[in-house]
């Protein structure tokens, strides 16, 4: 990932961030770091979304198991 940002994508990051952030050649070493931070933020958000979906599905499974257990208990109490 780092090599992809620094080597072929270095010129892309340089042109994008030099317009937004400013600075000259002396600050150009920071541009790959900015790109890495942006990519890392995307990975963290993506992982958060996946975790949220897993938690929701587990919650639904737990509720279904509770309902099933209650129905079995009521059936055994009636017998």
PDB file of N, CA and C in Angstrom:
ATOM      1  N   UNK A   1       0.838  -1.183   0.000  1.00  0.00           N
ATOM      2  CA  UNK A   1       0.000   0.000   0.000  1.00  0.00           C
ATOM      3  C   UNK A   1       0.883   1.246   0.000  1.00  0.00           C
ATOM      4  N   UNK A   2       1.899   1.229   0.842  1.00  0.00           N
ATOM      5  CA  UNK A   2       2.782   2.394   0.928  1.00  0.00           C
ATOM      6  C   UNK A   2       3.476   2.647  -0.401  1.00  0.00           C
ATOM      7  N   UNK A   3       3.964   1.562  -1.017  1.00  0.00           N
ATOM      8  CA  UNK A   3       4.650   1.726  -2.297  1.00  0.00           C
ATOM      9  C   UNK A   3       3.702   2.240  -3.370  1.00  0.00           C
ATOM     10  N   UNK A   4       2.459   1.825  -3.313  1.00  0.00           N
ATOM     11  CA  UNK A   4       1.481   2.287  -4.287  1.00  0.00           C
ATOM     12  C   UNK A   4       1.227   3.790  -4.132  1.00  0.00           C
ATOM     13  N   UNK A   5       1.242   4.251  -2.892  1.00  0.00           N
ATOM     14  CA  UNK A   5       1.016   5.678  -2.647  1.00  0.00           C
ATOM     15  C   UNK A   5       2.242   6.493  -3.038  1.00  0.00           C
ATOM     16  N   UNK A   6       3.414   6.018  -2.664  1.00  0.00           N
ATOM     17  CA  UNK A   6       4.620   6.813  -2.843  1.00  0.00           C
ATOM     18  C   UNK A   6       5.145   6.749  -4.267  1.00  0.00           C
ATOM     19  N   UNK A   7       5.236   5.552  -4.836  1.00  0.00           N
ATOM     20  CA  UNK A   7       5.939   5.420  -6.106  1.00  0.00           C
ATOM     21  C   UNK A   7       5.112   5.885  -7.297  1.00  0.00           C
ATOM     22  N   UNK A   8       4.077   5.154  -7.746  1.00  0.00           N
ATOM     23  CA  UNK A   8       3.369   5.655  -8.927  1.00  0.00           C
ATOM     24  C   UNK A   8       2.378   6.768  -8.593  1.00  0.00           C
ATOM     25  N   UNK A   9       1.854   6.741  -7.400  1.00  0.00           N
ATOM     26  CA  UNK A   9       0.850   7.738  -7.052  1.00  0.00           C
ATOM     27  C   UNK A   9       1.427   8.996  -6.450  1.00  0.00           C
ATOM     28  N   UNK A  10       2.742   9.062  -6.321  1.00  0.00           N
ATOM     29  CA  UNK A  10       3.372  10.223  -5.697  1.00  0.00           C
ATOM     30  C   UNK A  10       3.107  11.512  -6.442  1.00  0.00           C
ATOM     31  N   UNK A  11       3.156  11.462  -7.756  1.00  0.00           N
ATOM     32  CA  UNK A  11       2.918  12.680  -8.531  1.00  0.00           C
ATOM     33  C   UNK A  11       1.458  13.102  -8.451  1.00  0.00           C
ATOM     34  N   UNK A  12       0.568  12.121  -8.365  1.00  0.00           N
ATOM     35  CA  UNK A  12      -0.865  12.447  -8.249  1.00  0.00           C
ATOM     36  C   UNK A  12      -1.130  13.148  -6.929  1.00  0.00           C
ATOM     37  N   UNK A  13      -0.591  12.551  -5.849  1.00  0.00           N
ATOM     38  CA  UNK A  13      -0.803  13.171  -4.537  1.00  0.00           C
ATOM     39  C   UNK A  13      -0.169  14.557  -4.492  1.00  0.00           C
ATOM     40  N   UNK A  14       0.984  14.684  -5.122  1.00  0.00           N
ATOM     41  CA  UNK A  14       1.676  15.972  -5.126  1.00  0.00           C
ATOM     42  C   UNK A  14       0.860  17.062  -5.787  1.00  0.00           C
ATOM     43  N   UNK A  15       0.275  16.746  -6.919  1.00  0.00           N
ATOM     44  CA  UNK A  15      -0.508  17.771  -7.615  1.00  0.00           C
ATOM     45  C   UNK A  15      -1.819  18.061  -6.889  1.00  0.00           C
ATOM     46  N   UNK A  16      -2.437  17.034  -6.311  1.00  0.00           N
ATOM     47  CA  UNK A  16      -3.690  17.269  -5.589  1.00  0.00           C
ATOM     48  C   UNK A  16      -3.474  18.089  -4.328  1.00  0.00           C
ATOM     49  N   UNK A  17      -2.504  17.667  -3.525  1.00  0.00           N
ATOM     50  CA  UNK A  17      -2.329  18.300  -2.230  1.00  0.00           C
ATOM     51  C   UNK A  17      -1.598  19.629  -2.304  1.00  0.00           C
ATOM     52  N   UNK A  18      -0.785  19.848  -3.328  1.00  0.00           N
ATOM     53  CA  UNK A  18      -0.092  21.133  -3.419  1.00  0.00           C
ATOM     54  C   UNK A  18      -1.088  22.261  -3.654  1.00  0.00           C
ATOM     55  N   UNK A  19      -2.174  21.955  -4.365  1.00  0.00           N
ATOM     56  CA  UNK A  19      -3.198  22.975  -4.596  1.00  0.00           C
ATOM     57  C   UNK A  19      -4.034  23.224  -3.332  1.00  0.00           C
ATOM     58  N   UNK A  20      -4.350  22.152  -2.604  1.00  0.00           N
ATOM     59  CA  UNK A  20      -5.215  22.291  -1.431  1.00  0.00           C
ATOM     60  C   UNK A  20      -4.450  22.776  -0.205  1.00  0.00           C
ATOM     61  N   UNK A  21      -3.319  22.142   0.073  1.00  0.00           N
ATOM     62  CA  UNK A  21      -2.586  22.407   1.303  1.00  0.00           C
ATOM     63  C   UNK A  21      -1.628  23.563   1.141  1.00  0.00           C
ATOM     64  N   UNK A  22      -1.055  23.672  -0.011  1.00  0.00           N
ATOM     65  CA  UNK A  22      -0.059  24.708  -0.244  1.00  0.00           C
ATOM     66  C   UNK A  22       1.329  24.193   0.075  1.00  0.00           C
ATOM     67  N   UNK A  23       2.270  25.078   0.145  1.00  0.00           N
ATOM     68  CA  UNK A  23       3.636  24.669   0.424  1.00  0.00           C
ATOM     69  C   UNK A  23       4.392  24.424  -0.864  1.00  0.00           C
ATOM     70  N   UNK A  24       5.675  24.251  -0.705  1.00  0.00           N
ATOM     71  CA  UNK A  24       6.518  24.064  -1.880  1.00  0.00           C
ATOM     72  C   UNK A  24       7.181  22.707  -1.854  1.00  0.00           C
ATOM     73  N   UNK A  25       8.377  22.687  -2.425  1.00  0.00           N
ATOM     74  CA  UNK A  25       9.128  21.452  -2.529  1.00  0.00           C
ATOM     75  C   UNK A  25       9.541  20.951  -1.151  1.00  0.00           C
ATOM     76  N   UNK A  26       9.795  21.863  -0.237  1.00  0.00           N
ATOM     77  CA  UNK A  26      10.252  21.450   1.093  1.00  0.00           C
ATOM     78  C   UNK A  26       9.167  20.713   1.875  1.00  0.00           C
ATOM     79  N   UNK A  27       7.901  20.897   1.550  1.00  0.00           N
ATOM     80  CA  UNK A  27       6.805  20.196   2.230  1.00  0.00           C
ATOM     81  C   UNK A  27       6.259  19.026   1.416  1.00  0.00           C
ATOM     82  N   UNK A  28       6.835  18.746   0.278  1.00  0.00           N
ATOM     83  CA  UNK A  28       6.281  17.719  -0.602  1.00  0.00           C
ATOM     84  C   UNK A  28       6.393  16.320  -0.010  1.00  0.00           C
ATOM     85  N   UNK A  29       7.301  16.104   0.936  1.00  0.00           N
ATOM     86  CA  UNK A  29       7.410  14.783   1.549  1.00  0.00           C
ATOM     87  C   UNK A  29       6.187  14.451   2.396  1.00  0.00           C
ATOM     88  N   UNK A  30       5.378  15.438   2.747  1.00  0.00           N
ATOM     89  CA  UNK A  30       4.173  15.213   3.546  1.00  0.00           C
ATOM     90  C   UNK A  30       3.001  14.714   2.717  1.00  0.00           C
ATOM     91  N   UNK A  31       3.004  14.924   1.419  1.00  0.00           N
ATOM     92  CA  UNK A  31       1.866  14.564   0.580  1.00  0.00           C
ATOM     93  C   UNK A  31       1.548  13.074   0.607  1.00  0.00           C
ATOM     94  N   UNK A  32       2.529  12.176   0.540  1.00  0.00           N
ATOM     95  CA  UNK A  32       2.186  10.746   0.670  1.00  0.00           C
ATOM     96  C   UNK A  32       1.602  10.408   2.041  1.00  0.00           C
ATOM     97  N   UNK A  33       2.034  11.128   3.063  1.00  0.00           N
ATOM     98  CA  UNK A  33       1.457  10.896   4.392  1.00  0.00           C
ATOM     99  C   UNK A  33      -0.007  11.315   4.429  1.00  0.00           C
ATOM    100  N   UNK A  34      -0.323  12.437   3.804  1.00  0.00           N
ATOM    101  CA  UNK A  34      -1.721  12.869   3.724  1.00  0.00           C
ATOM    102  C   UNK A  34      -2.568  11.832   2.989  1.00  0.00           C
ATOM    103  N   UNK A  35      -2.033  11.324   1.881  1.00  0.00           N
ATOM    104  CA  UNK A  35      -2.751  10.291   1.132  1.00  0.00           C
ATOM    105  C   UNK A  35      -2.945   9.039   1.958  1.00  0.00           C
ATOM    106  N   UNK A  36      -1.918   8.644   2.710  1.00  0.00           N
ATOM    107  CA  UNK A  36      -2.028   7.477   3.587  1.00  0.00           C
ATOM    108  C   UNK A  36      -3.072   7.672   4.664  1.00  0.00           C
ATOM    109  N   UNK A  37      -3.142   8.864   5.213  1.00  0.00           N
ATOM    110  CA  UNK A  37      -4.159   9.149   6.233  1.00  0.00           C
ATOM    111  C   UNK A  37      -5.565   9.061   5.652  1.00  0.00           C
ATOM    112  N   UNK A  38      -5.731   9.537   4.441  1.00  0.00           N
ATOM    113  CA  UNK A  38      -7.041   9.464   3.796  1.00  0.00           C
ATOM    114  C   UNK A  38      -7.428   8.007   3.552  1.00  0.00           C
ATOM    115  N   UNK A  39      -6.485   7.201   3.055  1.00  0.00           N
ATOM    116  CA  UNK A  39      -6.770   5.789   2.823  1.00  0.00           C
ATOM    117  C   UNK A  39      -7.044   5.048   4.125  1.00  0.00           C
ATOM    118  N   UNK A  40      -6.278   5.366   5.162  1.00  0.00           N
ATOM    119  CA  UNK A  40      -6.487   4.724   6.455  1.00  0.00           C
ATOM    120  C   UNK A  40      -7.853   5.077   7.028  1.00  0.00           C
ATOM    121  N   UNK A  41      -8.281   6.305   6.844  1.00  0.00           N
ATOM    122  CA  UNK A  41      -9.607   6.711   7.295  1.00  0.00           C
ATOM    123  C   UNK A  41     -10.686   5.904   6.584  1.00  0.00           C
ATOM    124  N   UNK A  42     -10.508   5.687   5.292  1.00  0.00           N
ATOM    125  CA  UNK A  42     -11.465   4.874   4.541  1.00  0.00           C
ATOM    126  C   UNK A  42     -11.519   3.439   5.034  1.00  0.00           C
ATOM    127  N   UNK A  43     -10.364   2.884   5.376  1.00  0.00           N
ATOM    128  CA  UNK A  43     -10.328   1.508   5.886  1.00  0.00           C
ATOM    129  C   UNK A  43     -11.029   1.421   7.241  1.00  0.00           C
ATOM    130  N   UNK A  44     -10.796   2.386   8.105  1.00  0.00           N
ATOM    131  CA  UNK A  44     -11.435   2.382   9.426  1.00  0.00           C
ATOM    132  C   UNK A  44     -12.950   2.505   9.289  1.00  0.00           C
ATOM    133  N   UNK A  45     -13.403   3.371   8.416  1.00  0.00           N
ATOM    134  CA  UNK A  45     -14.848   3.528   8.214  1.00  0.00           C
ATOM    135  C   UNK A  45     -15.446   2.261   7.622  1.00  0.00           C
ATOM    136  N   UNK A  46     -14.753   1.660   6.667  1.00  0.00           N
ATOM    137  CA  UNK A  46     -15.242   0.407   6.082  1.00  0.00           C
ATOM    138  C   UNK A  46     -15.351  -0.703   7.113  1.00  0.00           C
ATOM    139  N   UNK A  47     -14.355  -0.822   7.977  1.00  0.00           N
ATOM    140  CA  UNK A  47     -14.395  -1.836   9.037  1.00  0.00           C
ATOM    141  C   UNK A  47     -15.527  -1.554  10.017  1.00  0.00           C
ATOM    142  N   UNK A  48     -15.757  -0.293  10.304  1.00  0.00           N
ATOM    143  CA  UNK A  48     -16.858   0.061  11.199  1.00  0.00           C
ATOM    144  C   UNK A  48     -18.204  -0.333  10.629  1.00  0.00           C
ATOM    145  N   UNK A  49     -18.382  -0.146   9.334  1.00  0.00           N
ATOM    146  CA  UNK A  49     -19.638  -0.524   8.685  1.00  0.00           C
ATOM    147  C   UNK A  49     -19.830  -2.035   8.735  1.00  0.00           C
ATOM    148  N   UNK A  50     -18.757  -2.784   8.468  1.00  0.00           N
ATOM    149  CA  UNK A  50     -18.846  -4.248   8.513  1.00  0.00           C
ATOM    150  C   UNK A  50     -19.183  -4.716   9.924  1.00  0.00           C
ATOM    151  N   UNK A  51     -18.531  -4.140  10.923  1.00  0.00           N
ATOM    152  CA  UNK A  51     -18.823  -4.512  12.313  1.00  0.00           C
ATOM    153  C   UNK A  51     -20.257  -4.183  12.699  1.00  0.00           C
ATOM    154  N   UNK A  52     -20.748  -3.046  12.263  1.00  0.00           N
ATOM    155  CA  UNK A  52     -22.128  -2.667  12.571  1.00  0.00           C
ATOM    156  C   UNK A  52     -23.112  -3.666  11.981  1.00  0.00           C
ATOM    157  N   UNK A  53     -22.889  -4.089  10.753  1.00  0.00           N
ATOM    158  CA  UNK A  53     -23.774  -5.077  10.125  1.00  0.00           C
ATOM    159  C   UNK A  53     -23.709  -6.422  10.843  1.00  0.00           C
ATOM    160  N   UNK A  54     -22.524  -6.822  11.268  1.00  0.00           N
ATOM    161  CA  UNK A  54     -22.385  -8.085  12.004  1.00  0.00           C
ATOM    162  C   UNK A  54     -23.099  -8.019  13.347  1.00  0.00           C
ATOM    163  N   UNK A  55     -22.996  -6.896  14.031  1.00  0.00           N
ATOM    164  CA  UNK A  55     -23.678  -6.740  15.320  1.00  0.00           C
ATOM    165  C   UNK A  55     -25.187  -6.802  15.131  1.00  0.00           C
ATOM    166  N   UNK A  56     -25.672  -6.153  14.083  1.00  0.00           N
ATOM    167  CA  UNK A  56     -27.118  -6.185  13.817  1.00  0.00           C
ATOM    168  C   UNK A  56     -27.594  -7.596  13.510  1.00  0.00           C
ATOM    169  N   UNK A  57     -26.834  -8.348  12.729  1.00  0.00           N
ATOM    170  CA  UNK A  57     -27.253  -9.711  12.388  1.00  0.00           C
ATOM    171  C   UNK A  57     -27.191 -10.612  13.625  1.00  0.00           C
ATOM    172  N   UNK A  58     -26.197 -10.428  14.465  1.00  0.00           N
ATOM    173  CA  UNK A  58     -26.125 -11.219  15.696  1.00  0.00           C
ATOM    174  C   UNK A  58     -27.281 -10.893  16.636  1.00  0.00           C
ATOM    175  N   UNK A  59     -27.659  -9.632  16.689  1.00  0.00           N
ATOM    176  CA  UNK A  59     -28.785  -9.233  17.536  1.00  0.00           C
ATOM    177  C   UNK A  59     -30.082  -9.905  17.059  1.00  0.00           C
ATOM    178  N   UNK A  60     -30.262  -9.957  15.738  1.00  0.00           N
ATOM    179  CA  UNK A  60     -31.449 -10.618  15.196  1.00  0.00           C
ATOM    180  C   UNK A  60     -31.436 -12.108  15.504  1.00  0.00           C
ATOM    181  N   UNK A  61     -30.276 -12.737  15.404  1.00  0.00           N
ATOM    182  CA  UNK A  61     -30.169 -14.169  15.723  1.00  0.00           C
ATOM    183  C   UNK A  61     -30.473 -14.432  17.191  1.00  0.00           C
ATOM    184  N   UNK A  62     -29.987 -13.578  18.065  1.00  0.00           N
ATOM    185  CA  UNK A  62     -30.244 -13.748  19.500  1.00  0.00           C
ATOM    186  C   UNK A  62     -31.722 -13.607  19.793  1.00  0.00           C
ATOM    187  N   UNK A  63     -32.372 -12.619  19.182  1.00  0.00           N
ATOM    188  CA  UNK A  63     -33.803 -12.438  19.402  1.00  0.00           C
ATOM    189  C   UNK A  63     -34.593 -13.636  18.889  1.00  0.00           C
ATOM    190  N   UNK A  64     -34.200 -14.191  17.763  1.00  0.00           N
ATOM    191  CA  UNK A  64     -34.891 -15.364  17.209  1.00  0.00           C
ATOM    192  C   UNK A  64     -34.701 -16.570  18.132  1.00  0.00           C
ATOM    193  N   UNK A  65     -33.510 -16.740  18.677  1.00  0.00           N
ATOM    194  CA  UNK A  65     -33.262 -17.847  19.593  1.00  0.00           C
ATOM    195  C   UNK A  65     -34.053 -17.692  20.898  1.00  0.00           C
ATOM    196  N   UNK A  66     -34.185 -16.459  21.369  1.00  0.00           N
ATOM    197  CA  UNK A  66     -34.981 -16.218  22.583  1.00  0.00           C
ATOM    198  C   UNK A  66     -36.445 -16.571  22.349  1.00  0.00           C
ATOM    199  N   UNK A  67     -36.980 -16.184  21.187  1.00  0.00           N
ATOM    200  CA  UNK A  67     -38.366 -16.504  20.873  1.00  0.00           C
ATOM    201  C   UNK A  67     -38.561 -18.011  20.768  1.00  0.00           C
ATOM    202  N   UNK A  68     -37.614 -18.681  20.153  1.00  0.00           N
ATOM    203  CA  UNK A  68     -37.693 -20.127  20.017  1.00  0.00           C
ATOM    204  C   UNK A  68     -37.632 -20.806  21.388  1.00  0.00           C
ATOM    205  N   UNK A  69     -36.787 -20.323  22.260  1.00  0.00           N
ATOM    206  CA  UNK A  69     -36.659 -20.891  23.601  1.00  0.00           C
ATOM    207  C   UNK A  69     -37.937 -20.670  24.405  1.00  0.00           C
ATOM    208  N   UNK A  70     -38.539 -19.486  24.287  1.00  0.00           N
ATOM    209  CA  UNK A  70     -39.786 -19.210  24.998  1.00  0.00           C
ATOM    210  C   UNK A  70     -40.915 -20.104  24.505  1.00  0.00           C
ATOM    211  N   UNK A  71     -40.968 -20.326  23.198  1.00  0.00           N
ATOM    212  CA  UNK A  71     -42.033 -21.180  22.668  1.00  0.00           C
ATOM    213  C   UNK A  71     -41.846 -22.624  23.123  1.00  0.00           C
ATOM    214  N   UNK A  72     -40.613 -23.080  23.213  1.00  0.00           N
ATOM    215  CA  UNK A  72     -40.361 -24.436  23.706  1.00  0.00           C
ATOM    216  C   UNK A  72     -40.704 -24.557  25.185  1.00  0.00           C
ATOM    217  N   UNK A  73     -40.413 -23.535  25.964  1.00  0.00           N
ATOM    218  CA  UNK A  73     -40.744 -23.542  27.392  1.00  0.00           C
ATOM    219  C   UNK A  73     -42.242 -23.544  27.613  1.00  0.00           C
ATOM    220  N   UNK A  74     -42.984 -22.768  26.800  1.00  0.00           N
ATOM    221  CA  UNK A  74     -44.428 -22.731  26.966  1.00  0.00           C
ATOM    222  C   UNK A  74     -45.053 -24.054  26.533  1.00  0.00           C
ATOM    223  N   UNK A  75     -44.482 -24.705  25.535  1.00  0.00           N
ATOM    224  CA  UNK A  75     -44.999 -26.000  25.099  1.00  0.00           C
ATOM    225  C   UNK A  75     -44.742 -27.075  26.174  1.00  0.00           C
ATOM    226  N   UNK A  76     -43.580 -27.022  26.796  1.00  0.00           N
ATOM    227  CA  UNK A  76     -43.279 -28.020  27.829  1.00  0.00           C
ATOM    228  C   UNK A  76     -44.088 -27.765  29.095  1.00  0.00           C
ATOM    229  N   UNK A  77     -44.457 -26.512  29.356  1.00  0.00           N
ATOM    230  CA  UNK A  77     -45.276 -26.201  30.538  1.00  0.00           C
ATOM    231  C   UNK A  77     -46.711 -26.658  30.326  1.00  0.00           C
ATOM    232  N   UNK A  78     -47.198 -26.626  29.097  1.00  0.00           N
ATOM    233  CA  UNK A  78     -48.564 -27.049  28.802  1.00  0.00           C
ATOM    234  C   UNK A  78     -48.740 -28.562  28.851  1.00  0.00           C
ATOM    235  N   UNK A  79     -47.667 -29.296  28.688  1.00  0.00           N
ATOM    236  CA  UNK A  79     -47.771 -30.758  28.657  1.00  0.00           C
ATOM    237  C   UNK A  79     -47.799 -31.328  30.017  1.00  0.00           C
TER     238      UNK A  79
END
